[in-house]
Protein backbone atom coordinates (compact mmCIF):
# COMPACT_ATOMS: atom_id res chain seq x y z
CA MET A 1 -68.27 97.51 -73.37
CA ILE A 2 -65.31 95.29 -74.13
CA LYS A 3 -64.41 95.10 -77.81
CA GLY A 4 -64.54 91.27 -77.84
CA ASP A 5 -68.08 91.30 -76.46
CA ALA A 6 -69.23 93.59 -79.27
CA ALA A 7 -67.74 91.23 -81.86
CA LYS A 8 -69.46 88.24 -80.24
CA ARG A 9 -72.77 90.11 -80.18
CA LYS A 10 -72.42 91.09 -83.83
CA LYS A 11 -71.60 87.51 -84.84
CA ALA A 12 -74.53 86.13 -82.81
CA SER A 13 -76.85 88.70 -84.38
CA TRP A 14 -75.78 87.70 -87.87
CA ILE A 15 -76.25 84.00 -87.11
CA ALA A 16 -79.71 84.61 -85.65
CA GLY A 17 -80.69 86.86 -88.56
CA ILE A 18 -79.57 84.36 -91.19
CA THR A 19 -81.35 81.53 -89.37
CA VAL A 20 -84.60 83.51 -89.28
CA PHE A 21 -84.16 84.56 -92.91
CA LEU A 22 -83.75 80.89 -93.95
CA GLY A 23 -87.05 80.07 -92.22
CA ILE A 24 -89.06 82.62 -94.19
CA PRO A 25 -89.51 80.43 -97.31
CA SER A 26 -90.99 77.66 -95.15
CA ALA A 27 -93.52 80.08 -93.71
CA LEU A 28 -94.38 81.42 -97.15
CA SER A 29 -94.79 77.93 -98.64
CA PHE A 30 -98.44 77.95 -97.52
CA GLY A 31 -99.17 81.16 -99.41
CA VAL A 32 -97.05 83.11 -101.88
CA LEU A 33 -94.59 80.24 -102.47
CA SER A 34 -97.19 77.46 -102.48
CA GLY A 35 -96.38 76.59 -106.10
CA VAL A 36 -92.66 76.14 -105.49
CA LYS A 37 -91.66 72.47 -105.29
CA ILE A 38 -88.35 70.85 -104.33
CA PHE A 39 -88.26 67.14 -105.22
CA ASN A 40 -92.06 67.34 -105.55
CA LEU A 41 -92.39 68.68 -101.97
CA SER A 42 -93.38 72.13 -100.79
CA ILE A 43 -90.59 74.13 -99.16
CA PHE A 44 -92.07 73.44 -95.72
CA ASP A 45 -92.38 69.70 -96.39
CA PHE A 46 -88.85 69.59 -97.78
CA ALA A 47 -87.48 71.31 -94.66
CA ASP A 48 -89.51 68.90 -92.51
CA TYR A 49 -88.13 65.92 -94.45
CA LEU A 50 -84.54 67.14 -94.07
CA THR A 51 -84.98 67.70 -90.35
CA SER A 52 -86.93 64.54 -89.51
CA ASN A 53 -85.31 62.01 -91.81
CA ILE A 54 -81.76 63.26 -92.17
CA ALA A 55 -80.67 65.71 -89.47
CA LEU A 56 -82.17 63.91 -86.45
CA PRO A 57 -80.82 60.41 -87.25
CA VAL A 58 -77.39 61.78 -88.21
CA GLY A 59 -77.27 63.85 -85.01
CA ALA A 60 -78.30 60.84 -82.93
CA LEU A 61 -75.61 58.74 -84.60
CA PHE A 62 -72.94 61.35 -83.85
CA ILE A 63 -74.09 61.59 -80.23
CA SER A 64 -74.02 57.81 -79.72
CA LEU A 65 -70.57 57.55 -81.32
CA PHE A 66 -69.28 60.46 -79.25
CA ILE A 67 -70.57 59.00 -75.98
CA GLY A 68 -69.46 55.48 -76.83
CA TYR A 69 -66.02 56.19 -78.22
CA GLN A 70 -64.86 59.72 -77.35
CA MET A 71 -66.00 60.36 -73.78
CA LYS A 72 -64.12 58.64 -70.98
CA ARG A 73 -66.06 55.64 -69.72
CA ILE A 74 -65.73 56.75 -66.09
CA GLU A 75 -67.23 60.17 -66.89
CA VAL A 76 -70.13 58.57 -68.78
CA GLN A 77 -70.69 56.18 -65.86
CA LYS A 78 -70.70 59.02 -63.31
CA GLU A 79 -73.29 60.90 -65.34
CA PHE A 80 -75.37 57.78 -65.90
CA GLU A 81 -75.43 56.91 -62.21
CA SER A 82 -76.10 60.41 -60.91
CA GLY A 83 -79.47 60.55 -59.20
CA ALA A 84 -80.36 56.91 -59.88
CA ASP A 85 -80.55 53.96 -57.52
CA SER A 86 -80.25 51.24 -60.16
CA GLY A 87 -77.69 53.06 -62.32
CA ARG A 88 -74.73 50.87 -61.39
CA SER A 89 -76.38 47.60 -62.40
CA LEU A 90 -77.74 48.90 -65.70
CA PHE A 91 -74.67 50.83 -66.85
CA LYS A 92 -72.80 47.89 -68.38
CA LEU A 93 -75.81 46.92 -70.49
CA TRP A 94 -76.50 50.53 -71.50
CA TYR A 95 -72.85 51.16 -72.37
CA PHE A 96 -72.72 48.03 -74.53
CA LEU A 97 -75.91 49.12 -76.31
CA ILE A 98 -74.71 52.71 -76.89
CA ARG A 99 -71.42 51.48 -78.38
CA TYR A 100 -72.49 48.57 -80.55
CA ILE A 101 -76.25 48.24 -81.01
CA VAL A 102 -77.55 51.83 -81.06
CA PRO A 103 -75.32 53.05 -83.95
CA ILE A 104 -76.42 50.09 -86.10
CA MET A 105 -80.08 50.67 -85.28
CA ILE A 106 -79.81 54.40 -86.01
CA ILE A 107 -78.20 53.64 -89.38
CA LEU A 108 -81.04 51.23 -90.16
CA VAL A 109 -83.65 53.84 -89.19
CA PHE A 110 -81.85 56.41 -91.34
CA LEU A 111 -81.72 54.07 -94.34
CA LYS A 112 -85.37 53.12 -93.92
CA SER A 113 -86.55 56.73 -93.52
CA THR A 114 -84.69 57.77 -96.68
CA ASN A 115 -86.06 54.74 -98.56
CA LEU A 116 -82.57 53.38 -99.22
CA ILE A 117 -83.60 49.93 -97.92
């Protein structure tokens, strides 16, 4: 075995182990940890809130900004049109939406889901 592969395997094992370990409190929030509350939510509900209302909208915002402003337009267009007959005619509209409208809408969804508006 190559030394670098062993280091990668060890790092991946640690990451997987820590991820599983962090999920244990959520599983126990229906039993042993049922009395533990974070912002008046059970551990499971708090993790669900973080995932649904914060992580997903923020991830979607980053993806839309990355596609709209970091990726080369020609590469995005090639991917958009691959395997589609009507891809060429819809790309301009889709690209406009992904750059200007989608980020604003995602921010509004995020603000609404976190009760900031």
